[in-house]
Structure formats: C-alpha cells, structure tokens
N, C-alpha and C. Protein backbone atom coordinates (compact mmCIF):
# COMPACT_ATOMS: atom_id res chain seq x y z
N UNK A 1 11.55 147.80 100.85
CA UNK A 1 12.23 146.91 99.93
C UNK A 1 11.47 145.59 99.82
N UNK A 2 11.08 145.03 100.96
CA UNK A 2 10.36 143.76 100.93
C UNK A 2 9.02 143.90 100.22
N UNK A 3 8.34 145.02 100.46
CA UNK A 3 7.05 145.24 99.81
C UNK A 3 7.22 145.35 98.30
N UNK A 4 8.25 146.06 97.86
CA UNK A 4 8.50 146.19 96.43
C UNK A 4 8.87 144.84 95.82
N UNK A 5 9.68 144.06 96.57
CA UNK A 5 10.03 142.71 96.12
C UNK A 5 8.76 141.90 95.90
N UNK A 6 7.88 141.91 96.89
CA UNK A 6 6.64 141.14 96.78
C UNK A 6 5.78 141.63 95.63
N UNK A 7 5.67 142.94 95.49
CA UNK A 7 4.82 143.51 94.46
C UNK A 7 5.38 143.26 93.06
N UNK A 8 6.60 143.67 92.82
CA UNK A 8 7.16 143.60 91.47
C UNK A 8 7.59 142.19 91.06
N UNK A 9 8.37 141.54 91.91
CA UNK A 9 8.93 140.26 91.52
C UNK A 9 7.96 139.10 91.73
N UNK A 10 7.45 138.97 92.94
CA UNK A 10 6.58 137.83 93.23
C UNK A 10 5.22 137.96 92.55
N UNK A 11 4.59 139.12 92.69
CA UNK A 11 3.24 139.28 92.14
C UNK A 11 3.22 139.51 90.64
N UNK A 12 3.94 140.49 90.16
CA UNK A 12 3.86 140.86 88.76
C UNK A 12 4.57 139.83 87.87
N UNK A 13 5.84 139.57 88.12
CA UNK A 13 6.61 138.67 87.27
C UNK A 13 6.31 137.20 87.58
N UNK A 14 6.52 136.81 88.82
CA UNK A 14 6.35 135.41 89.19
C UNK A 14 4.94 134.89 88.93
N UNK A 15 3.95 135.69 89.27
CA UNK A 15 2.57 135.28 89.07
C UNK A 15 2.23 135.15 87.59
N UNK A 16 2.70 136.06 86.77
CA UNK A 16 2.45 135.98 85.33
C UNK A 16 3.03 134.70 84.76
N UNK A 17 4.27 134.43 85.09
CA UNK A 17 4.94 133.24 84.56
C UNK A 17 4.20 131.98 84.99
N UNK A 18 3.89 131.87 86.27
CA UNK A 18 3.25 130.64 86.76
C UNK A 18 1.81 130.50 86.28
N UNK A 19 1.06 131.60 86.23
CA UNK A 19 -0.33 131.53 85.74
C UNK A 19 -0.39 131.08 84.30
N UNK A 20 0.50 131.63 83.48
CA UNK A 20 0.49 131.28 82.07
C UNK A 20 0.86 129.81 81.87
N UNK A 21 1.87 129.35 82.57
CA UNK A 21 2.25 127.94 82.49
C UNK A 21 1.08 127.06 82.93
N UNK A 22 0.47 127.39 84.05
CA UNK A 22 -0.62 126.59 84.59
C UNK A 22 -1.78 126.49 83.59
N UNK A 23 -2.12 127.60 82.95
CA UNK A 23 -3.23 127.58 81.99
C UNK A 23 -2.88 126.78 80.75
N UNK A 24 -1.65 126.92 80.25
CA UNK A 24 -1.25 126.15 79.07
C UNK A 24 -1.25 124.66 79.40
N UNK A 25 -0.78 124.31 80.57
CA UNK A 25 -0.80 122.89 80.97
C UNK A 25 -2.23 122.39 81.14
N UNK A 26 -3.04 123.14 81.82
CA UNK A 26 -4.41 122.69 82.13
C UNK A 26 -5.27 122.57 80.88
N UNK A 27 -5.21 123.56 80.01
CA UNK A 27 -6.13 123.60 78.88
C UNK A 27 -5.59 122.95 77.61
N UNK A 28 -4.26 122.83 77.49
CA UNK A 28 -3.68 122.30 76.25
C UNK A 28 -2.59 121.26 76.48
N UNK A 29 -2.50 120.70 77.66
CA UNK A 29 -1.52 119.67 77.92
C UNK A 29 -0.08 120.16 77.85
N UNK A 30 0.12 121.48 77.95
CA UNK A 30 1.47 122.05 77.99
C UNK A 30 1.99 122.65 76.71
N UNK A 31 1.17 122.66 75.64
CA UNK A 31 1.68 123.19 74.37
C UNK A 31 0.60 123.98 73.63
N UNK A 32 0.99 125.15 73.13
CA UNK A 32 0.10 125.98 72.30
C UNK A 32 0.81 126.29 70.99
N UNK A 33 0.03 126.58 69.98
CA UNK A 33 0.59 126.87 68.65
C UNK A 33 0.37 128.33 68.29
N UNK A 34 1.20 128.80 67.37
CA UNK A 34 1.13 130.19 66.92
C UNK A 34 -0.26 130.50 66.37
N UNK A 35 -0.76 131.65 66.76
CA UNK A 35 -2.08 132.06 66.28
C UNK A 35 -1.99 132.61 64.86
N UNK A 36 -3.06 132.48 64.14
CA UNK A 36 -3.12 132.98 62.77
C UNK A 36 -3.61 134.43 62.78
N UNK A 37 -3.07 135.25 61.88
CA UNK A 37 -3.47 136.67 61.86
C UNK A 37 -4.98 136.87 61.73
N UNK A 38 -5.66 136.03 60.98
CA UNK A 38 -7.10 136.19 60.80
C UNK A 38 -7.89 135.88 62.07
N UNK A 39 -7.24 135.25 63.05
CA UNK A 39 -7.91 134.95 64.32
C UNK A 39 -7.80 136.10 65.32
N UNK A 40 -7.06 137.12 64.98
CA UNK A 40 -6.81 138.21 65.93
C UNK A 40 -8.09 138.93 66.31
N UNK A 41 -8.24 139.13 67.61
CA UNK A 41 -9.38 139.87 68.15
C UNK A 41 -8.83 140.98 69.04
N UNK A 42 -9.71 141.83 69.52
CA UNK A 42 -9.28 142.85 70.47
C UNK A 42 -9.04 142.19 71.81
N UNK A 43 -8.06 142.53 72.53
CA UNK A 43 -7.05 143.56 72.34
C UNK A 43 -5.73 143.03 71.79
N UNK A 44 -5.77 141.96 71.00
CA UNK A 44 -4.55 141.30 70.53
C UNK A 44 -3.60 142.23 69.79
N UNK A 45 -4.12 142.98 68.84
CA UNK A 45 -3.25 143.86 68.03
C UNK A 45 -2.51 144.87 68.88
N UNK A 46 -3.22 145.53 69.77
CA UNK A 46 -2.59 146.52 70.65
C UNK A 46 -1.58 145.84 71.57
N UNK A 47 -1.93 144.68 72.09
CA UNK A 47 -1.04 143.94 72.99
C UNK A 47 0.25 143.56 72.27
N UNK A 48 0.13 142.99 71.09
CA UNK A 48 1.32 142.59 70.32
C UNK A 48 2.18 143.80 69.97
N UNK A 49 1.56 144.89 69.59
CA UNK A 49 2.31 146.11 69.25
C UNK A 49 3.04 146.64 70.48
N UNK A 50 2.39 146.62 71.63
CA UNK A 50 3.02 147.07 72.87
C UNK A 50 4.23 146.21 73.20
N UNK A 51 4.07 144.89 73.11
CA UNK A 51 5.16 143.96 73.40
C UNK A 51 6.33 144.22 72.45
N UNK A 52 6.04 144.33 71.17
CA UNK A 52 7.09 144.52 70.16
C UNK A 52 7.82 145.85 70.30
N UNK A 53 7.15 146.87 70.84
CA UNK A 53 7.74 148.20 70.95
C UNK A 53 8.68 148.34 72.15
N UNK A 54 8.59 147.46 73.10
CA UNK A 54 9.35 147.63 74.34
C UNK A 54 10.86 147.48 74.13
N UNK A 55 11.29 146.62 73.22
CA UNK A 55 12.73 146.42 73.00
C UNK A 55 13.42 147.74 72.67
N UNK A 56 12.83 148.54 71.81
CA UNK A 56 13.43 149.82 71.45
C UNK A 56 13.46 150.77 72.65
N UNK A 57 12.42 150.74 73.47
CA UNK A 57 12.40 151.60 74.66
C UNK A 57 13.48 151.19 75.65
N UNK A 58 13.62 149.88 75.86
CA UNK A 58 14.65 149.38 76.78
C UNK A 58 16.03 149.73 76.24
N UNK A 59 16.25 149.56 74.96
CA UNK A 59 17.55 149.88 74.35
C UNK A 59 17.87 151.36 74.51
N UNK A 60 16.89 152.22 74.28
CA UNK A 60 17.12 153.67 74.40
C UNK A 60 17.49 154.04 75.84
N UNK A 61 16.81 153.47 76.80
CA UNK A 61 17.12 153.76 78.21
C UNK A 61 18.51 153.22 78.58
N UNK A 62 18.81 152.02 78.13
CA UNK A 62 20.12 151.42 78.43
C UNK A 62 21.24 152.22 77.78
N UNK A 63 21.03 152.69 76.56
CA UNK A 63 22.05 153.50 75.88
C UNK A 63 22.36 154.78 76.64
N UNK A 64 21.37 155.31 77.34
CA UNK A 64 21.55 156.51 78.15
C UNK A 64 22.00 156.18 79.57
N UNK A 65 22.29 154.89 79.81
CA UNK A 65 22.69 154.38 81.13
C UNK A 65 21.61 154.63 82.19
N UNK A 66 20.38 154.62 81.76
CA UNK A 66 19.24 154.77 82.66
C UNK A 66 18.68 153.38 82.95
N UNK A 67 19.44 152.61 83.69
CA UNK A 67 19.14 151.20 83.93
C UNK A 67 17.82 151.02 84.67
N UNK A 68 17.58 151.81 85.69
CA UNK A 68 16.31 151.70 86.43
C UNK A 68 15.13 151.96 85.51
N UNK A 69 15.28 152.91 84.60
CA UNK A 69 14.20 153.20 83.65
C UNK A 69 14.01 152.06 82.65
N UNK A 70 15.10 151.43 82.25
CA UNK A 70 15.01 150.27 81.36
C UNK A 70 14.25 149.14 82.05
N UNK A 71 14.57 148.91 83.31
CA UNK A 71 13.85 147.87 84.07
C UNK A 71 12.38 148.24 84.24
N UNK A 72 12.10 149.51 84.44
CA UNK A 72 10.72 149.96 84.56
C UNK A 72 9.94 149.63 83.29
N UNK A 73 10.54 149.83 82.13
CA UNK A 73 9.89 149.50 80.85
C UNK A 73 9.55 148.02 80.79
N UNK A 74 10.48 147.18 81.23
CA UNK A 74 10.26 145.73 81.20
C UNK A 74 9.13 145.35 82.15
N UNK A 75 9.14 145.90 83.35
CA UNK A 75 8.09 145.56 84.32
C UNK A 75 6.74 146.15 83.93
N UNK A 76 6.75 147.25 83.20
CA UNK A 76 5.50 147.78 82.67
C UNK A 76 4.90 146.77 81.69
N UNK A 77 5.76 146.14 80.92
CA UNK A 77 5.29 145.11 79.99
C UNK A 77 4.77 143.88 80.73
N UNK A 78 5.42 143.47 81.80
CA UNK A 78 4.90 142.36 82.60
C UNK A 78 3.51 142.71 83.14
N UNK A 79 3.34 143.95 83.61
CA UNK A 79 2.03 144.37 84.10
C UNK A 79 0.99 144.38 82.97
N UNK A 80 1.42 144.80 81.79
CA UNK A 80 0.50 144.81 80.64
C UNK A 80 0.07 143.39 80.29
N UNK A 81 0.97 142.44 80.39
CA UNK A 81 0.62 141.04 80.11
C UNK A 81 -0.39 140.54 81.14
N UNK A 82 -0.23 140.92 82.39
CA UNK A 82 -1.21 140.54 83.42
C UNK A 82 -2.57 141.16 83.11
N UNK A 83 -2.57 142.39 82.62
CA UNK A 83 -3.83 143.05 82.26
C UNK A 83 -4.47 142.33 81.07
N UNK A 84 -3.66 141.86 80.13
CA UNK A 84 -4.16 141.11 78.98
C UNK A 84 -4.91 139.86 79.45
N UNK A 85 -4.41 139.21 80.49
CA UNK A 85 -5.12 138.05 81.05
C UNK A 85 -6.50 138.49 81.54
N UNK A 86 -6.55 139.60 82.25
CA UNK A 86 -7.83 140.10 82.76
C UNK A 86 -8.78 140.47 81.62
N UNK A 87 -8.24 141.05 80.55
CA UNK A 87 -9.06 141.46 79.41
C UNK A 87 -9.62 140.28 78.63
N UNK A 88 -8.82 139.24 78.46
CA UNK A 88 -9.22 138.12 77.61
C UNK A 88 -9.89 136.99 78.38
N UNK A 89 -9.72 136.94 79.68
CA UNK A 89 -10.34 135.96 80.57
C UNK A 89 -10.24 134.52 80.05
N UNK A 90 -9.02 133.98 80.01
CA UNK A 90 -8.85 132.62 79.50
C UNK A 90 -9.71 131.58 80.22
N UNK A 91 -9.94 131.73 81.50
CA UNK A 91 -10.76 130.78 82.26
C UNK A 91 -12.19 130.74 81.73
N UNK A 92 -12.70 131.88 81.25
CA UNK A 92 -14.04 131.92 80.67
C UNK A 92 -14.03 131.28 79.28
N UNK A 93 -12.99 131.55 78.52
CA UNK A 93 -12.87 130.93 77.19
C UNK A 93 -12.82 129.41 77.31
N UNK A 94 -12.17 128.91 78.35
CA UNK A 94 -12.00 127.47 78.53
C UNK A 94 -13.33 126.76 78.78
N UNK A 95 -14.32 127.46 79.26
CA UNK A 95 -15.63 126.85 79.54
C UNK A 95 -16.47 126.64 78.28
N UNK A 96 -16.05 127.26 77.17
CA UNK A 96 -16.83 127.19 75.93
C UNK A 96 -15.98 126.48 74.87
N UNK A 97 -16.36 125.27 74.51
CA UNK A 97 -15.59 124.48 73.54
C UNK A 97 -15.42 125.20 72.21
N UNK A 98 -16.38 126.03 71.83
CA UNK A 98 -16.27 126.76 70.56
C UNK A 98 -15.22 127.86 70.63
N UNK A 99 -14.71 128.16 71.81
CA UNK A 99 -13.68 129.20 71.99
C UNK A 99 -12.29 128.60 72.18
N UNK A 100 -12.13 127.32 71.88
CA UNK A 100 -10.84 126.63 72.10
C UNK A 100 -9.71 127.29 71.30
N UNK A 101 -9.96 127.65 70.04
CA UNK A 101 -8.93 128.29 69.23
C UNK A 101 -8.58 129.66 69.80
N UNK A 102 -9.56 130.40 70.23
CA UNK A 102 -9.31 131.71 70.83
C UNK A 102 -8.48 131.56 72.09
N UNK A 103 -8.79 130.56 72.90
CA UNK A 103 -8.03 130.30 74.11
C UNK A 103 -6.57 129.99 73.76
N UNK A 104 -6.35 129.16 72.76
CA UNK A 104 -4.98 128.86 72.30
C UNK A 104 -4.26 130.14 71.92
N UNK A 105 -4.94 130.99 71.15
CA UNK A 105 -4.31 132.22 70.66
C UNK A 105 -3.93 133.14 71.82
N UNK A 106 -4.80 133.29 72.79
CA UNK A 106 -4.53 134.13 73.95
C UNK A 106 -3.32 133.60 74.71
N UNK A 107 -3.30 132.29 74.95
CA UNK A 107 -2.20 131.71 75.71
C UNK A 107 -0.89 131.74 74.93
N UNK A 108 -0.95 131.57 73.62
CA UNK A 108 0.26 131.72 72.81
C UNK A 108 0.77 133.16 72.92
N UNK A 109 -0.12 134.13 72.81
CA UNK A 109 0.29 135.53 72.91
C UNK A 109 0.95 135.82 74.25
N UNK A 110 0.41 135.26 75.30
CA UNK A 110 1.01 135.44 76.63
C UNK A 110 2.38 134.79 76.70
N UNK A 111 2.49 133.57 76.19
CA UNK A 111 3.78 132.86 76.22
C UNK A 111 4.83 133.63 75.42
N UNK A 112 4.44 134.17 74.30
CA UNK A 112 5.36 134.95 73.47
C UNK A 112 5.79 136.22 74.21
N UNK A 113 4.85 136.89 74.84
CA UNK A 113 5.17 138.11 75.60
C UNK A 113 6.12 137.79 76.75
N UNK A 114 5.88 136.71 77.46
CA UNK A 114 6.74 136.33 78.58
C UNK A 114 8.16 136.07 78.09
N UNK A 115 8.31 135.39 76.97
CA UNK A 115 9.64 135.09 76.45
C UNK A 115 10.37 136.34 75.98
N UNK A 116 9.65 137.26 75.39
CA UNK A 116 10.27 138.54 74.99
C UNK A 116 10.70 139.31 76.23
N UNK A 117 9.83 139.36 77.22
CA UNK A 117 10.18 140.03 78.49
C UNK A 117 11.40 139.39 79.12
N UNK A 118 11.44 138.06 79.14
CA UNK A 118 12.58 137.36 79.73
C UNK A 118 13.87 137.68 78.98
N UNK A 119 13.78 137.81 77.67
CA UNK A 119 14.97 138.17 76.88
C UNK A 119 15.45 139.57 77.23
N UNK A 120 14.51 140.49 77.39
CA UNK A 120 14.87 141.86 77.74
C UNK A 120 15.42 141.93 79.17
N UNK A 121 14.95 141.07 80.02
CA UNK A 121 15.38 141.03 81.42
C UNK A 121 16.72 140.31 81.60
N UNK A 122 17.13 139.55 80.60
CA UNK A 122 18.29 138.67 80.71
C UNK A 122 19.58 139.39 81.13
N UNK A 123 19.82 140.58 80.64
CA UNK A 123 21.03 141.33 81.00
C UNK A 123 21.03 141.77 82.46
N UNK A 124 19.84 141.92 83.02
CA UNK A 124 19.70 142.42 84.38
C UNK A 124 19.53 141.30 85.41
N UNK A 125 18.82 140.26 85.01
CA UNK A 125 18.51 139.15 85.93
C UNK A 125 18.67 137.82 85.17
N UNK A 126 19.91 137.46 84.85
CA UNK A 126 20.12 136.27 84.00
C UNK A 126 19.62 134.96 84.62
N UNK A 127 19.74 134.81 85.92
CA UNK A 127 19.27 133.57 86.54
C UNK A 127 17.75 133.43 86.42
N UNK A 128 17.05 134.51 86.68
CA UNK A 128 15.59 134.49 86.55
C UNK A 128 15.18 134.25 85.11
N UNK A 129 15.83 134.94 84.18
CA UNK A 129 15.51 134.74 82.76
C UNK A 129 15.78 133.30 82.35
N UNK A 130 16.86 132.73 82.84
CA UNK A 130 17.18 131.34 82.53
C UNK A 130 16.09 130.39 82.98
N UNK A 131 15.55 130.63 84.16
CA UNK A 131 14.45 129.80 84.66
C UNK A 131 13.21 129.93 83.76
N UNK A 132 12.95 131.14 83.31
CA UNK A 132 11.81 131.36 82.42
C UNK A 132 12.04 130.65 81.09
N UNK A 133 13.23 130.76 80.53
CA UNK A 133 13.52 130.09 79.26
C UNK A 133 13.36 128.58 79.40
N UNK A 134 13.81 128.04 80.51
CA UNK A 134 13.66 126.61 80.76
C UNK A 134 12.18 126.24 80.82
N UNK A 135 11.41 127.03 81.53
CA UNK A 135 9.97 126.75 81.68
C UNK A 135 9.22 126.87 80.35
N UNK A 136 9.67 127.76 79.48
CA UNK A 136 8.97 128.01 78.22
C UNK A 136 9.67 127.38 77.01
N UNK A 137 10.70 126.59 77.26
CA UNK A 137 11.38 125.89 76.17
C UNK A 137 11.99 126.83 75.15
N UNK A 138 12.45 127.97 75.59
CA UNK A 138 13.01 128.96 74.67
C UNK A 138 14.42 129.34 75.04
N UNK A 139 14.91 130.34 74.37
CA UNK A 139 16.24 130.88 74.62
C UNK A 139 16.18 132.39 74.45
N UNK A 140 17.21 133.06 74.97
CA UNK A 140 17.22 134.52 74.87
C UNK A 140 17.22 134.95 73.41
N UNK A 141 16.57 136.05 73.17
CA UNK A 141 16.48 136.62 71.82
C UNK A 141 17.29 137.90 71.74
N UNK A 142 17.71 138.23 70.55
CA UNK A 142 18.38 139.50 70.33
C UNK A 142 17.36 140.62 70.47
N UNK A 143 17.84 141.84 70.62
CA UNK A 143 16.91 142.97 70.69
C UNK A 143 16.06 143.07 69.43
N UNK A 144 16.67 142.80 68.28
CA UNK A 144 15.92 142.84 67.03
C UNK A 144 14.81 141.81 67.03
N UNK A 145 15.11 140.60 67.53
CA UNK A 145 14.09 139.56 67.58
C UNK A 145 13.01 139.87 68.61
N UNK A 146 13.35 140.59 69.65
CA UNK A 146 12.35 140.98 70.66
C UNK A 146 11.32 141.94 70.07
N UNK A 147 11.67 142.60 68.99
CA UNK A 147 10.75 143.54 68.35
C UNK A 147 9.81 142.83 67.37
N UNK A 148 9.98 141.51 67.21
CA UNK A 148 9.14 140.74 66.30
C UNK A 148 8.31 139.76 67.11
N UNK A 149 7.01 139.93 67.07
CA UNK A 149 6.11 139.07 67.82
C UNK A 149 5.78 137.83 66.99
N UNK A 150 5.84 136.67 67.63
CA UNK A 150 5.42 135.44 66.96
C UNK A 150 6.52 134.69 66.24
N UNK A 151 7.73 134.69 66.78
CA UNK A 151 8.84 133.99 66.11
C UNK A 151 8.72 132.47 66.18
N UNK A 152 8.12 131.97 67.24
CA UNK A 152 8.03 130.52 67.41
C UNK A 152 6.69 129.99 66.89
N UNK A 153 6.73 128.83 66.25
CA UNK A 153 5.51 128.21 65.73
C UNK A 153 4.67 127.60 66.85
N UNK A 154 5.34 127.20 67.92
CA UNK A 154 4.62 126.64 69.07
C UNK A 154 5.46 126.86 70.33
N UNK A 155 4.80 126.76 71.45
CA UNK A 155 5.46 126.90 72.74
C UNK A 155 5.02 125.74 73.62
N UNK A 156 6.00 125.03 74.17
CA UNK A 156 5.72 123.95 75.11
C UNK A 156 6.30 124.37 76.46
N UNK A 157 5.49 124.30 77.47
CA UNK A 157 5.90 124.75 78.80
C UNK A 157 6.13 123.57 79.73
N UNK A 158 6.93 123.83 80.75
CA UNK A 158 7.21 122.87 81.81
C UNK A 158 7.07 123.61 83.13
N UNK A 159 6.37 123.00 84.05
CA UNK A 159 6.19 123.64 85.37
C UNK A 159 7.53 123.80 86.07
N UNK A 160 7.70 124.92 86.74
CA UNK A 160 8.91 125.19 87.52
C UNK A 160 8.49 125.67 88.90
N UNK A 161 9.42 125.61 89.82
CA UNK A 161 9.17 126.15 91.15
C UNK A 161 8.91 127.65 91.02
N UNK A 162 8.18 128.23 91.95
CA UNK A 162 7.94 129.68 91.89
C UNK A 162 9.27 130.44 91.74
N UNK A 163 9.28 131.44 90.90
CA UNK A 163 10.50 132.22 90.66
C UNK A 163 10.95 132.95 91.92
N UNK A 164 9.99 133.45 92.69
CA UNK A 164 10.31 134.24 93.88
C UNK A 164 9.36 133.88 95.00
N UNK A 165 9.92 133.57 96.15
CA UNK A 165 9.09 133.35 97.33
C UNK A 165 8.78 134.71 97.94
N UNK A 166 7.55 134.89 98.32
CA UNK A 166 7.16 136.16 98.93
C UNK A 166 7.89 136.34 100.25
N UNK A 167 8.24 137.57 100.55
CA UNK A 167 8.90 137.89 101.81
C UNK A 167 7.83 138.15 102.86
N UNK A 168 7.95 137.48 103.98
CA UNK A 168 7.02 137.65 105.09
C UNK A 168 7.54 138.77 105.98
N UNK A 169 6.79 139.85 106.07
CA UNK A 169 7.22 141.01 106.86
C UNK A 169 7.41 140.66 108.34
N UNK A 170 6.62 139.73 108.86
CA UNK A 170 6.72 139.37 110.28
C UNK A 170 8.06 138.72 110.59
N UNK A 171 8.57 137.92 109.68
CA UNK A 171 9.87 137.28 109.93
C UNK A 171 11.01 138.21 109.55
N UNK A 172 10.75 139.17 108.69
CA UNK A 172 11.79 140.09 108.26
C UNK A 172 12.08 141.17 109.31
N UNK A 173 11.08 141.63 110.00
CA UNK A 173 11.25 142.72 110.98
C UNK A 173 12.30 142.42 112.04
N UNK A 174 12.31 141.24 112.67
CA UNK A 174 13.35 140.96 113.67
C UNK A 174 14.77 140.96 113.07
N UNK A 175 14.89 140.50 111.83
CA UNK A 175 16.20 140.50 111.17
C UNK A 175 16.69 141.93 110.92
N UNK A 176 15.78 142.79 110.53
CA UNK A 176 16.13 144.20 110.31
C UNK A 176 16.58 144.83 111.63
N UNK A 177 15.87 144.52 112.69
CA UNK A 177 16.22 145.06 114.01
C UNK A 177 17.62 144.60 114.44
N UNK A 178 17.95 143.35 114.20
CA UNK A 178 19.29 142.83 114.54
C UNK A 178 20.37 143.60 113.78
N UNK A 179 20.13 143.86 112.51
CA UNK A 179 21.10 144.60 111.70
C UNK A 179 21.25 146.02 112.22
N UNK A 180 20.15 146.65 112.57
CA UNK A 180 20.21 148.01 113.13
C UNK A 180 21.04 148.04 114.41
N UNK A 181 20.84 147.06 115.27
CA UNK A 181 21.60 146.98 116.51
C UNK A 181 23.09 146.79 116.24
N UNK A 182 23.41 145.96 115.26
CA UNK A 182 24.81 145.74 114.91
C UNK A 182 25.45 147.02 114.39
N UNK A 183 24.72 147.76 113.59
CA UNK A 183 25.23 149.01 113.05
C UNK A 183 25.45 150.02 114.18
N UNK A 184 24.52 150.09 115.10
CA UNK A 184 24.64 151.03 116.23
C UNK A 184 25.82 150.65 117.10
N UNK A 185 26.07 149.38 117.28
CA UNK A 185 27.20 148.92 118.10
C UNK A 185 28.54 149.24 117.44
N UNK A 186 28.58 149.28 116.13
CA UNK A 186 29.81 149.61 115.40
C UNK A 186 30.12 151.08 115.54
N UNK A 187 29.09 151.91 115.47
CA UNK A 187 29.29 153.36 115.51
C UNK A 187 29.70 153.73 116.90
C-alpha cells in the first residue's frame, strides 16, 4: 500500500503538479498563455487528443460502476503528461531564447492537462483536486468541458505545498507491527 501510495500519488500525480508549477514560475513568472494551433509540434496533437479522450473513458467506466478502472484511466493520463515532459524537454527549450514560444506552448499544454485530470479526479479525491485548482487558478470542469482542450486563454499558477508526502517504509514498518500485535491480541 505504501509503495503504491508513493508511486501513484507522490511520484506520478504530486510530481507532475509541482514540476509544472515550478517550470511555469521559473520560465514565465507564473503565467502562460494559450498556444496557437499553427504553433503545434509533435507530440502536441497526440497529447491533446489523448487528454481530450479520457473524459469519455472515465465516464464509461463510472457508468459501469468500475470505479477502480475509472481511476486507472485518470492516472494513465497523469503518466502520459509526465511522458510529455520527457518528450518535449522544457528545460532544454528554456536554454534557447528562440524556443520561448514553444516552451510557453508546452507548459500551457501541461497546465491544461493537469486541470482536466483534476476535474476528472474531483469526484474521487475532492480535497486533492481542490488543491490543484487553487494552484492552477481554475475550477472543476464538466465532463463535456474535459473533452475540450484549451478552454482557458491563460493559466496563472501559485506554488502550493506538496500534495502528498512520501511514506517512509522504515517508519511505517513498526506501526504495521503494532497493529498486527493488536489484532492478534483481540483474536
């Protein structure tokens, strides 16, 4: 459980949110603007299509009461956004002044994806989604709006505390042992 918490929540979700905020603050003073269609490069089109398609997948799983599968779809999208960072390498774009517009577009795309993901996650983890909305200056979107990429003209971010503190296995093990002993004493 602790390993999955660290992997899914702290690494995949928390890291994506904080990395994106940090880059927008560092490279653009906390605000990016909507990218223009003519500026689109690879893998932008595929990334935007993937983000826009997830709302329907989550809705279909939820309609079938397959909640774990709906959450899996959302976390697959968080992982895809992390991969987009690796593909576009914003840190490399930042070193070249002629790539400033491309850097803005990449970071806007990430901010938009994070907000769509947070909207899809809102029914399952409202407190976490609320923190993301606060950090990204947004609000939850309807499922229909989650299927539309680029609704906001600009995104202004605010730094927030890490969404999830990593669980330290060394401190967790003694607590688990205490619980096991308590259970054995009850039986």
